[in-house]
Amino acid sequence: MADVIDVLFGCVRVEVGSGHVEVSGHALPPVVLVRAPDAAVRVGVPIGTRDASALALTVDGEPVELRPARGGLTRRSYRVAVRRGADDLLFTPSSPTTARLVRGRRYRGDNELGTFERADGSLLPARWSEDVSALGVRVAGLGPLPWEATVGYALAAAFGTGAQFFLGLLLEGSEHVSGPG
C-alpha cells in the first residue's frame, strides 16, 4: 500500500496486490481493478494480464469497460481505453517512463488531463496539465474529474507507465550485435 499526495485531490491511497489494484481517497470515488484468479499471468504487467476478458474494473462500485491493447513493439500497443457511460479515457505511454491520461478516444494535444510516472517501483503524484498545446496555441488544461483521476492512478499501478520508442528498442538491441570481422 502506498499513499500519494496529489496536488488536486490530496491523499490518494494505492493498494496493489496479487491480481488486484485498489485506489481511493477522501475526494475520490473508489476504483478497483481485479484479475480473474484463473487468468494466465503475464510477466512485466503489474496486474498480470492485458487480456480484457480476464479483468474487471469498477468505479464507485459500478462496472466500467476496460480495453487494454496487447502490448508489443510500438508505444500505441500499450494503450488502455476506458469507457464509463458515454465518457472515454485513454491511458497511453508518452515517453520511456511516463504515460498520459487523455479525455476521449485519441490524443489530440488539447485533451490531455495529465501524466503519470513510476520511479524506483513507486508511483509518483500525477502531473495534471495546467495548459496544453492545440494547433500551436497554448490553452488552459481541462482538469480531471475525480473519477478520471482515480482511474488514472489505477491504470498506472496496474499496467505501469512509459514504453520505449520502437527505434530505441532497435538501437538498444544493435549494441549486442557484432559487426563484420
N, C-alpha and C. Protein backbone atom coordinates (compact mmCIF):
# COMPACT_ATOMS: atom_id res chain seq x y z
N MET A 1 0.84 -1.17 0.00
CA MET A 1 0.00 0.00 0.00
C MET A 1 0.89 1.24 0.00
N ALA A 2 0.49 2.22 -0.77
CA ALA A 2 1.25 3.47 -0.83
C ALA A 2 0.28 4.64 -0.88
N ASP A 3 0.65 5.69 -0.21
CA ASP A 3 -0.11 6.92 -0.28
C ASP A 3 0.64 7.89 -1.17
N VAL A 4 -0.09 8.51 -2.08
CA VAL A 4 0.46 9.52 -2.98
C VAL A 4 -0.24 10.82 -2.64
N ILE A 5 0.51 11.89 -2.50
CA ILE A 5 -0.09 13.20 -2.22
C ILE A 5 -0.28 13.93 -3.55
N ASP A 6 -1.53 14.02 -3.96
CA ASP A 6 -1.91 14.63 -5.23
C ASP A 6 -2.22 16.11 -5.00
N VAL A 7 -1.74 16.98 -5.91
CA VAL A 7 -1.93 18.42 -5.73
C VAL A 7 -3.39 18.85 -5.82
N LEU A 8 -4.22 18.11 -6.53
CA LEU A 8 -5.64 18.47 -6.65
C LEU A 8 -6.55 17.71 -5.70
N PHE A 9 -6.19 16.45 -5.39
CA PHE A 9 -7.11 15.58 -4.66
C PHE A 9 -6.60 15.12 -3.30
N GLY A 10 -5.46 15.63 -2.87
CA GLY A 10 -4.95 15.27 -1.55
C GLY A 10 -4.38 13.86 -1.52
N CYS A 11 -4.59 13.18 -0.41
CA CYS A 11 -4.02 11.84 -0.22
C CYS A 11 -4.77 10.80 -1.05
N VAL A 12 -4.03 10.11 -1.90
CA VAL A 12 -4.59 9.04 -2.74
C VAL A 12 -3.94 7.74 -2.27
N ARG A 13 -4.76 6.80 -1.84
CA ARG A 13 -4.25 5.50 -1.38
C ARG A 13 -4.27 4.52 -2.54
N VAL A 14 -3.13 3.93 -2.84
CA VAL A 14 -2.98 2.97 -3.93
C VAL A 14 -2.53 1.65 -3.34
N GLU A 15 -3.40 0.65 -3.42
CA GLU A 15 -3.09 -0.70 -2.92
C GLU A 15 -2.93 -1.63 -4.10
N VAL A 16 -1.78 -2.29 -4.17
CA VAL A 16 -1.51 -3.23 -5.25
C VAL A 16 -1.22 -4.58 -4.62
N GLY A 17 -1.99 -5.58 -5.03
CA GLY A 17 -1.79 -6.94 -4.55
C GLY A 17 -1.67 -7.88 -5.72
N SER A 18 -1.60 -9.14 -5.43
CA SER A 18 -1.50 -10.14 -6.48
C SER A 18 -2.83 -10.20 -7.24
N GLY A 19 -2.85 -9.59 -8.40
CA GLY A 19 -4.04 -9.62 -9.23
C GLY A 19 -5.10 -8.59 -8.91
N HIS A 20 -4.77 -7.60 -8.10
CA HIS A 20 -5.76 -6.53 -7.87
C HIS A 20 -5.08 -5.20 -7.56
N VAL A 21 -5.79 -4.13 -7.91
CA VAL A 21 -5.37 -2.76 -7.60
C VAL A 21 -6.60 -2.04 -7.06
N GLU A 22 -6.42 -1.36 -5.94
CA GLU A 22 -7.50 -0.56 -5.36
C GLU A 22 -6.97 0.85 -5.12
N VAL A 23 -7.76 1.84 -5.54
CA VAL A 23 -7.37 3.24 -5.37
C VAL A 23 -8.53 3.97 -4.72
N SER A 24 -8.21 4.78 -3.72
CA SER A 24 -9.25 5.56 -3.04
C SER A 24 -8.63 6.84 -2.49
N GLY A 25 -9.49 7.73 -2.08
CA GLY A 25 -9.04 8.98 -1.48
C GLY A 25 -10.24 9.73 -0.95
N HIS A 26 -9.98 10.70 -0.09
CA HIS A 26 -11.07 11.45 0.54
C HIS A 26 -12.01 12.08 -0.48
N ALA A 27 -11.46 12.67 -1.51
CA ALA A 27 -12.27 13.37 -2.52
C ALA A 27 -12.46 12.56 -3.78
N LEU A 28 -12.16 11.25 -3.73
CA LEU A 28 -12.19 10.42 -4.93
C LEU A 28 -13.10 9.20 -4.77
N PRO A 29 -13.80 8.82 -5.84
CA PRO A 29 -14.57 7.58 -5.79
C PRO A 29 -13.60 6.39 -5.82
N PRO A 30 -13.92 5.32 -5.09
CA PRO A 30 -13.02 4.16 -5.12
C PRO A 30 -13.03 3.46 -6.48
N VAL A 31 -11.84 3.01 -6.88
CA VAL A 31 -11.67 2.25 -8.12
C VAL A 31 -11.01 0.93 -7.76
N VAL A 32 -11.55 -0.16 -8.31
CA VAL A 32 -10.99 -1.50 -8.09
C VAL A 32 -10.79 -2.15 -9.45
N LEU A 33 -9.61 -2.70 -9.65
CA LEU A 33 -9.27 -3.44 -10.87
C LEU A 33 -8.79 -4.81 -10.43
N VAL A 34 -9.47 -5.86 -10.91
CA VAL A 34 -9.19 -7.22 -10.45
C VAL A 34 -8.93 -8.13 -11.65
N ARG A 35 -7.91 -8.97 -11.51
CA ARG A 35 -7.62 -10.01 -12.50
C ARG A 35 -8.32 -11.29 -12.06
N ALA A 36 -8.92 -11.99 -13.01
CA ALA A 36 -9.58 -13.27 -12.72
C ALA A 36 -8.54 -14.24 -12.14
N PRO A 37 -8.92 -15.01 -11.11
CA PRO A 37 -7.94 -15.90 -10.47
C PRO A 37 -7.38 -16.98 -11.39
N ASP A 38 -8.13 -17.38 -12.41
CA ASP A 38 -7.67 -18.44 -13.32
C ASP A 38 -6.96 -17.90 -14.57
N ALA A 39 -6.76 -16.57 -14.63
CA ALA A 39 -6.12 -15.96 -15.80
C ALA A 39 -4.63 -16.27 -15.83
N ALA A 40 -4.12 -16.48 -17.03
CA ALA A 40 -2.68 -16.67 -17.20
C ALA A 40 -1.97 -15.38 -16.82
N VAL A 41 -0.88 -15.50 -16.09
CA VAL A 41 -0.13 -14.34 -15.63
C VAL A 41 0.96 -13.99 -16.63
N ARG A 42 0.99 -12.73 -17.03
CA ARG A 42 1.99 -12.23 -17.98
C ARG A 42 3.06 -11.43 -17.23
N VAL A 43 4.28 -11.89 -17.32
CA VAL A 43 5.39 -11.21 -16.67
C VAL A 43 5.57 -9.82 -17.28
N GLY A 44 5.89 -8.85 -16.45
CA GLY A 44 6.11 -7.49 -16.94
C GLY A 44 4.88 -6.61 -16.90
N VAL A 45 3.73 -7.18 -16.56
CA VAL A 45 2.50 -6.42 -16.42
C VAL A 45 2.12 -6.48 -14.94
N PRO A 46 2.17 -5.36 -14.22
CA PRO A 46 1.92 -5.41 -12.78
C PRO A 46 0.62 -6.13 -12.37
N ILE A 47 -0.47 -5.94 -13.09
CA ILE A 47 -1.73 -6.62 -12.77
C ILE A 47 -1.70 -8.08 -13.22
N GLY A 48 -0.76 -8.43 -14.10
CA GLY A 48 -0.57 -9.81 -14.51
C GLY A 48 -1.15 -10.20 -15.85
N THR A 49 -1.93 -9.32 -16.48
CA THR A 49 -2.50 -9.64 -17.80
C THR A 49 -2.92 -8.36 -18.51
N ARG A 50 -2.99 -8.44 -19.83
CA ARG A 50 -3.56 -7.37 -20.65
C ARG A 50 -4.81 -7.89 -21.36
N ASP A 51 -5.30 -9.04 -20.95
CA ASP A 51 -6.48 -9.66 -21.53
C ASP A 51 -7.73 -9.07 -20.88
N ALA A 52 -8.49 -8.28 -21.64
CA ALA A 52 -9.67 -7.60 -21.10
C ALA A 52 -10.69 -8.57 -20.52
N SER A 53 -10.80 -9.77 -21.10
CA SER A 53 -11.78 -10.73 -20.59
C SER A 53 -11.40 -11.27 -19.21
N ALA A 54 -10.15 -11.08 -18.80
CA ALA A 54 -9.68 -11.56 -17.50
C ALA A 54 -9.60 -10.43 -16.47
N LEU A 55 -10.10 -9.25 -16.82
CA LEU A 55 -10.02 -8.09 -15.93
C LEU A 55 -11.40 -7.50 -15.69
N ALA A 56 -11.61 -6.99 -14.48
CA ALA A 56 -12.86 -6.30 -14.13
C ALA A 56 -12.50 -4.99 -13.45
N LEU A 57 -13.06 -3.89 -13.96
CA LEU A 57 -12.82 -2.56 -13.42
C LEU A 57 -14.13 -1.98 -12.92
N THR A 58 -14.10 -1.44 -11.69
CA THR A 58 -15.28 -0.75 -11.17
C THR A 58 -14.89 0.63 -10.67
N VAL A 59 -15.80 1.58 -10.84
CA VAL A 59 -15.64 2.93 -10.31
C VAL A 59 -16.84 3.17 -9.41
N ASP A 60 -16.56 3.40 -8.14
CA ASP A 60 -17.63 3.62 -7.15
C ASP A 60 -18.62 2.45 -7.14
N GLY A 61 -18.10 1.23 -7.34
CA GLY A 61 -18.91 0.02 -7.31
C GLY A 61 -19.60 -0.34 -8.61
N GLU A 62 -19.53 0.54 -9.61
CA GLU A 62 -20.19 0.30 -10.89
C GLU A 62 -19.19 -0.22 -11.92
N PRO A 63 -19.56 -1.27 -12.69
CA PRO A 63 -18.65 -1.80 -13.71
C PRO A 63 -18.36 -0.76 -14.80
N VAL A 64 -17.13 -0.76 -15.26
CA VAL A 64 -16.66 0.15 -16.29
C VAL A 64 -15.95 -0.68 -17.35
N GLU A 65 -16.12 -0.31 -18.62
CA GLU A 65 -15.48 -1.05 -19.71
C GLU A 65 -13.99 -0.73 -19.77
N LEU A 66 -13.18 -1.77 -19.85
CA LEU A 66 -11.72 -1.65 -19.89
C LEU A 66 -11.23 -2.38 -21.12
N ARG A 67 -10.41 -1.70 -21.96
CA ARG A 67 -9.89 -2.31 -23.18
C ARG A 67 -8.38 -2.06 -23.29
N PRO A 68 -7.58 -2.91 -22.65
CA PRO A 68 -6.13 -2.75 -22.83
C PRO A 68 -5.68 -3.35 -24.16
N ALA A 69 -4.79 -2.65 -24.85
CA ALA A 69 -4.19 -3.22 -26.06
C ALA A 69 -3.21 -4.32 -25.64
N ARG A 70 -2.80 -5.14 -26.57
CA ARG A 70 -1.99 -6.33 -26.26
C ARG A 70 -0.59 -6.04 -25.75
N GLY A 71 -0.01 -4.93 -26.19
CA GLY A 71 1.38 -4.64 -25.83
C GLY A 71 2.30 -5.32 -26.83
N GLY A 72 3.24 -4.58 -27.37
CA GLY A 72 4.13 -5.15 -28.38
C GLY A 72 5.29 -4.23 -28.67
N LEU A 73 5.55 -4.00 -29.95
CA LEU A 73 6.72 -3.22 -30.34
C LEU A 73 6.50 -1.71 -30.34
N THR A 74 5.27 -1.25 -30.47
CA THR A 74 5.02 0.19 -30.54
C THR A 74 4.43 0.70 -29.24
N ARG A 75 4.62 1.99 -28.99
CA ARG A 75 4.01 2.59 -27.79
C ARG A 75 2.49 2.46 -27.83
N ARG A 76 1.93 2.67 -29.00
CA ARG A 76 0.47 2.61 -29.14
C ARG A 76 -0.08 1.26 -28.70
N SER A 77 0.72 0.21 -28.84
CA SER A 77 0.25 -1.13 -28.48
C SER A 77 0.13 -1.32 -26.97
N TYR A 78 0.55 -0.31 -26.18
CA TYR A 78 0.43 -0.38 -24.72
C TYR A 78 -0.68 0.52 -24.18
N ARG A 79 -1.51 1.08 -25.06
CA ARG A 79 -2.58 1.95 -24.60
C ARG A 79 -3.66 1.15 -23.87
N VAL A 80 -4.41 1.85 -23.03
CA VAL A 80 -5.54 1.24 -22.33
C VAL A 80 -6.71 2.22 -22.47
N ALA A 81 -7.82 1.74 -23.01
CA ALA A 81 -9.02 2.56 -23.17
C ALA A 81 -10.03 2.20 -22.09
N VAL A 82 -10.73 3.22 -21.60
CA VAL A 82 -11.75 3.04 -20.57
C VAL A 82 -13.00 3.77 -21.04
N ARG A 83 -14.15 3.14 -20.86
CA ARG A 83 -15.42 3.79 -21.17
C ARG A 83 -16.33 3.67 -19.96
N ARG A 84 -16.81 4.82 -19.50
CA ARG A 84 -17.77 4.88 -18.39
C ARG A 84 -18.98 5.64 -18.90
N GLY A 85 -20.06 4.91 -19.17
CA GLY A 85 -21.22 5.53 -19.79
C GLY A 85 -20.84 6.04 -21.16
N ALA A 86 -21.00 7.35 -21.38
CA ALA A 86 -20.64 7.95 -22.66
C ALA A 86 -19.26 8.60 -22.63
N ASP A 87 -18.56 8.47 -21.50
CA ASP A 87 -17.26 9.12 -21.34
C ASP A 87 -16.12 8.15 -21.61
N ASP A 88 -15.13 8.62 -22.36
CA ASP A 88 -13.96 7.81 -22.71
C ASP A 88 -12.70 8.42 -22.12
N LEU A 89 -11.79 7.54 -21.71
CA LEU A 89 -10.45 7.92 -21.29
C LEU A 89 -9.47 7.06 -22.06
N LEU A 90 -8.29 7.59 -22.30
CA LEU A 90 -7.22 6.83 -22.93
C LEU A 90 -5.96 7.04 -22.10
N PHE A 91 -5.34 5.93 -21.71
CA PHE A 91 -4.09 5.94 -20.96
C PHE A 91 -3.04 5.36 -21.89
N THR A 92 -2.05 6.18 -22.25
CA THR A 92 -1.11 5.76 -23.28
C THR A 92 0.30 6.25 -22.98
N PRO A 93 1.32 5.42 -23.23
CA PRO A 93 2.69 5.86 -22.98
C PRO A 93 3.02 7.12 -23.77
N SER A 94 3.75 8.03 -23.11
CA SER A 94 4.16 9.27 -23.78
C SER A 94 5.67 9.43 -23.82
N SER A 95 6.39 8.61 -23.08
CA SER A 95 7.85 8.61 -23.08
C SER A 95 8.30 7.25 -22.54
N PRO A 96 9.59 7.01 -22.45
CA PRO A 96 10.02 5.73 -21.88
C PRO A 96 9.60 5.53 -20.42
N THR A 97 9.30 6.63 -19.70
CA THR A 97 8.96 6.49 -18.28
C THR A 97 7.60 7.03 -17.89
N THR A 98 6.90 7.72 -18.80
CA THR A 98 5.62 8.33 -18.44
C THR A 98 4.48 7.85 -19.34
N ALA A 99 3.27 8.03 -18.81
CA ALA A 99 2.06 7.76 -19.59
C ALA A 99 1.13 8.94 -19.40
N ARG A 100 0.39 9.28 -20.46
CA ARG A 100 -0.55 10.39 -20.37
C ARG A 100 -1.97 9.85 -20.27
N LEU A 101 -2.80 10.58 -19.56
CA LEU A 101 -4.22 10.29 -19.46
C LEU A 101 -4.94 11.37 -20.23
N VAL A 102 -5.76 10.96 -21.21
CA VAL A 102 -6.48 11.93 -22.02
C VAL A 102 -7.97 11.64 -21.97
N ARG A 103 -8.74 12.70 -22.10
CA ARG A 103 -10.19 12.57 -22.18
C ARG A 103 -10.55 12.37 -23.64
N GLY A 104 -11.24 11.28 -23.93
CA GLY A 104 -11.60 10.95 -25.30
C GLY A 104 -10.92 9.67 -25.75
N ARG A 105 -11.08 9.35 -27.01
CA ARG A 105 -10.53 8.10 -27.56
C ARG A 105 -9.16 8.26 -28.19
N ARG A 106 -8.73 9.51 -28.46
CA ARG A 106 -7.43 9.76 -29.09
C ARG A 106 -6.80 10.98 -28.45
N TYR A 107 -5.48 10.99 -28.48
CA TYR A 107 -4.73 12.16 -28.02
C TYR A 107 -4.72 13.19 -29.14
N ARG A 108 -5.19 14.41 -28.84
CA ARG A 108 -5.22 15.49 -29.83
C ARG A 108 -4.31 16.65 -29.45
N GLY A 109 -3.80 16.64 -28.25
CA GLY A 109 -2.98 17.75 -27.77
C GLY A 109 -3.75 18.67 -26.85
N ASP A 110 -5.05 18.85 -27.12
CA ASP A 110 -5.85 19.73 -26.27
C ASP A 110 -6.70 18.96 -25.26
N ASN A 111 -6.55 17.64 -25.20
CA ASN A 111 -7.40 16.85 -24.31
C ASN A 111 -6.60 16.06 -23.26
N GLU A 112 -5.35 16.44 -23.07
CA GLU A 112 -4.53 15.76 -22.06
C GLU A 112 -4.94 16.23 -20.67
N LEU A 113 -5.20 15.26 -19.78
CA LEU A 113 -5.53 15.58 -18.40
C LEU A 113 -4.28 15.67 -17.54
N GLY A 114 -3.33 14.78 -17.79
CA GLY A 114 -2.11 14.78 -17.00
C GLY A 114 -1.23 13.60 -17.36
N THR A 115 -0.09 13.50 -16.67
CA THR A 115 0.83 12.40 -16.90
C THR A 115 1.14 11.68 -15.59
N PHE A 116 1.45 10.39 -15.73
CA PHE A 116 1.78 9.53 -14.60
C PHE A 116 3.16 8.95 -14.81
N GLU A 117 3.86 8.72 -13.70
CA GLU A 117 5.21 8.17 -13.78
C GLU A 117 5.48 7.30 -12.56
N ARG A 118 6.27 6.26 -12.80
CA ARG A 118 6.75 5.41 -11.71
C ARG A 118 8.27 5.60 -11.65
N ALA A 119 8.80 5.64 -10.43
CA ALA A 119 10.25 5.74 -10.25
C ALA A 119 10.64 4.81 -9.11
N ASP A 120 11.64 4.00 -9.34
CA ASP A 120 12.11 3.04 -8.34
C ASP A 120 10.96 2.18 -7.81
N GLY A 121 10.04 1.80 -8.69
CA GLY A 121 8.94 0.93 -8.32
C GLY A 121 7.78 1.62 -7.63
N SER A 122 7.89 2.92 -7.39
CA SER A 122 6.82 3.66 -6.71
C SER A 122 6.11 4.58 -7.68
N LEU A 123 4.81 4.71 -7.47
CA LEU A 123 4.00 5.62 -8.28
C LEU A 123 4.17 7.03 -7.75
N LEU A 124 4.49 7.97 -8.63
CA LEU A 124 4.65 9.37 -8.24
C LEU A 124 3.32 10.09 -8.39
N PRO A 125 3.15 11.25 -7.73
CA PRO A 125 1.92 12.01 -7.93
C PRO A 125 1.73 12.39 -9.40
N ALA A 126 0.50 12.38 -9.85
CA ALA A 126 0.20 12.78 -11.23
C ALA A 126 0.61 14.24 -11.43
N ARG A 127 1.04 14.55 -12.64
CA ARG A 127 1.30 15.93 -13.03
C ARG A 127 0.12 16.36 -13.90
N TRP A 128 -0.81 17.07 -13.30
CA TRP A 128 -2.01 17.48 -14.03
C TRP A 128 -1.66 18.63 -14.97
N SER A 129 -2.19 18.56 -16.17
CA SER A 129 -1.88 19.56 -17.21
C SER A 129 -2.48 20.91 -16.86
N GLU A 130 -1.60 21.90 -16.71
CA GLU A 130 -2.08 23.25 -16.43
C GLU A 130 -2.46 23.96 -17.72
N ASP A 131 -1.70 23.67 -18.77
CA ASP A 131 -2.06 24.18 -20.09
C ASP A 131 -1.57 23.18 -21.12
N VAL A 132 -2.20 23.21 -22.26
CA VAL A 132 -1.88 22.27 -23.33
C VAL A 132 -1.75 23.03 -24.64
N SER A 133 -1.17 22.38 -25.63
CA SER A 133 -0.98 23.00 -26.93
C SER A 133 -2.02 22.46 -27.91
N ALA A 134 -2.74 23.37 -28.55
CA ALA A 134 -3.73 22.99 -29.56
C ALA A 134 -3.48 23.85 -30.79
N LEU A 135 -3.06 23.21 -31.88
CA LEU A 135 -2.76 23.91 -33.13
C LEU A 135 -1.76 25.04 -32.92
N GLY A 136 -0.76 24.78 -32.09
CA GLY A 136 0.29 25.76 -31.84
C GLY A 136 -0.08 26.84 -30.85
N VAL A 137 -1.27 26.77 -30.27
CA VAL A 137 -1.72 27.77 -29.31
C VAL A 137 -1.82 27.11 -27.93
N ARG A 138 -1.31 27.78 -26.89
CA ARG A 138 -1.41 27.26 -25.53
C ARG A 138 -2.78 27.64 -24.97
N VAL A 139 -3.50 26.63 -24.44
CA VAL A 139 -4.80 26.87 -23.83
C VAL A 139 -4.82 26.23 -22.45
N ALA A 140 -5.74 26.67 -21.61
CA ALA A 140 -5.85 26.13 -20.26
C ALA A 140 -6.16 24.64 -20.29
N GLY A 141 -5.55 23.89 -19.39
CA GLY A 141 -5.80 22.45 -19.29
C GLY A 141 -7.23 22.17 -18.86
N LEU A 142 -7.66 20.95 -19.12
CA LEU A 142 -9.03 20.56 -18.82
C LEU A 142 -9.28 20.37 -17.34
N GLY A 143 -8.34 19.78 -16.64
CA GLY A 143 -8.53 19.42 -15.24
C GLY A 143 -9.35 18.15 -15.15
N PRO A 144 -8.85 17.16 -14.43
CA PRO A 144 -9.53 15.87 -14.34
C PRO A 144 -10.73 15.92 -13.39
N LEU A 145 -11.74 15.15 -13.71
CA LEU A 145 -12.83 14.90 -12.77
C LEU A 145 -12.31 13.89 -11.75
N PRO A 146 -12.90 13.83 -10.55
CA PRO A 146 -12.40 12.88 -9.54
C PRO A 146 -12.32 11.44 -10.04
N TRP A 147 -13.33 10.95 -10.75
CA TRP A 147 -13.28 9.56 -11.21
C TRP A 147 -12.16 9.35 -12.23
N GLU A 148 -11.89 10.37 -13.04
CA GLU A 148 -10.82 10.25 -14.03
C GLU A 148 -9.46 10.14 -13.34
N ALA A 149 -9.27 10.93 -12.29
CA ALA A 149 -8.01 10.88 -11.54
C ALA A 149 -7.81 9.51 -10.90
N THR A 150 -8.85 8.98 -10.27
CA THR A 150 -8.73 7.68 -9.61
C THR A 150 -8.43 6.58 -10.62
N VAL A 151 -9.10 6.61 -11.76
CA VAL A 151 -8.85 5.62 -12.82
C VAL A 151 -7.42 5.77 -13.32
N GLY A 152 -6.94 6.99 -13.49
CA GLY A 152 -5.56 7.20 -13.93
C GLY A 152 -4.55 6.55 -13.00
N TYR A 153 -4.72 6.75 -11.70
CA TYR A 153 -3.82 6.12 -10.73
C TYR A 153 -3.92 4.60 -10.79
N ALA A 154 -5.13 4.08 -10.94
CA ALA A 154 -5.31 2.62 -11.01
C ALA A 154 -4.63 2.04 -12.25
N LEU A 155 -4.78 2.71 -13.39
CA LEU A 155 -4.16 2.21 -14.62
C LEU A 155 -2.63 2.27 -14.54
N ALA A 156 -2.11 3.34 -13.95
CA ALA A 156 -0.65 3.46 -13.79
C ALA A 156 -0.12 2.34 -12.90
N ALA A 157 -0.85 2.02 -11.84
CA ALA A 157 -0.43 0.95 -10.94
C ALA A 157 -0.59 -0.42 -11.58
N ALA A 158 -1.65 -0.61 -12.36
CA ALA A 158 -1.96 -1.93 -12.93
C ALA A 158 -1.15 -2.26 -14.18
N PHE A 159 -0.88 -1.27 -15.01
CA PHE A 159 -0.23 -1.52 -16.29
C PHE A 159 1.16 -0.89 -16.41
N GLY A 160 1.56 -0.10 -15.43
CA GLY A 160 2.84 0.57 -15.49
C GLY A 160 2.76 1.83 -16.33
N THR A 161 3.88 2.52 -16.43
CA THR A 161 3.93 3.77 -17.20
C THR A 161 5.10 3.71 -18.17
N GLY A 162 4.94 4.39 -19.28
CA GLY A 162 6.02 4.51 -20.25
C GLY A 162 6.20 3.30 -21.14
N ALA A 163 6.90 3.53 -22.22
CA ALA A 163 7.28 2.48 -23.17
C ALA A 163 8.37 3.05 -24.05
N GLN A 164 9.29 2.23 -24.42
CA GLN A 164 10.42 2.62 -25.27
C GLN A 164 9.93 2.88 -26.70
N PHE A 165 10.52 3.85 -27.39
CA PHE A 165 10.28 4.02 -28.81
C PHE A 165 10.76 2.77 -29.54
N PHE A 166 10.09 2.38 -30.61
CA PHE A 166 10.50 1.21 -31.39
C PHE A 166 11.93 1.37 -31.88
N LEU A 167 12.27 2.56 -32.39
CA LEU A 167 13.63 2.80 -32.87
C LEU A 167 14.63 2.65 -31.73
N GLY A 168 14.26 3.11 -30.54
CA GLY A 168 15.12 2.96 -29.38
C GLY A 168 15.37 1.51 -29.04
N LEU A 169 14.33 0.69 -29.16
CA LEU A 169 14.49 -0.74 -28.92
C LEU A 169 15.45 -1.36 -29.92
N LEU A 170 15.31 -0.96 -31.19
CA LEU A 170 16.21 -1.48 -32.23
C LEU A 170 17.65 -1.08 -31.96
N LEU A 171 17.85 0.18 -31.62
CA LEU A 171 19.21 0.66 -31.36
C LEU A 171 19.80 0.00 -30.13
N GLU A 172 18.98 -0.18 -29.10
CA GLU A 172 19.45 -0.84 -27.89
C GLU A 172 19.87 -2.27 -28.19
N GLY A 173 19.09 -2.95 -29.01
CA GLY A 173 19.41 -4.33 -29.38
C GLY A 173 20.62 -4.42 -30.28
N SER A 174 20.89 -3.37 -31.07
CA SER A 174 22.01 -3.43 -32.02
C SER A 174 23.36 -3.39 -31.32
N GLU A 175 23.42 -2.89 -30.11
CA GLU A 175 24.71 -2.85 -29.42
C GLU A 175 25.19 -4.24 -29.02
N HIS A 176 24.29 -5.22 -29.08
CA HIS A 176 24.65 -6.59 -28.74
C HIS A 176 24.99 -7.42 -29.99
N VAL A 177 24.95 -6.78 -31.15
CA VAL A 177 25.25 -7.47 -32.40
C VAL A 177 26.66 -7.06 -32.84
N SER A 178 27.50 -8.04 -33.09
CA SER A 178 28.87 -7.69 -33.51
C SER A 178 28.91 -7.45 -35.01
N GLY A 179 29.79 -6.59 -35.41
CA GLY A 179 29.93 -6.25 -36.82
C GLY A 179 30.82 -7.25 -37.54
N PRO A 180 31.09 -6.98 -38.80
CA PRO A 180 31.94 -7.90 -39.57
C PRO A 180 33.35 -7.94 -38.98
N GLY A 181 33.95 -9.08 -39.13
CA GLY A 181 35.30 -9.07 -38.71
C GLY A 181 35.75 -10.25 -38.04
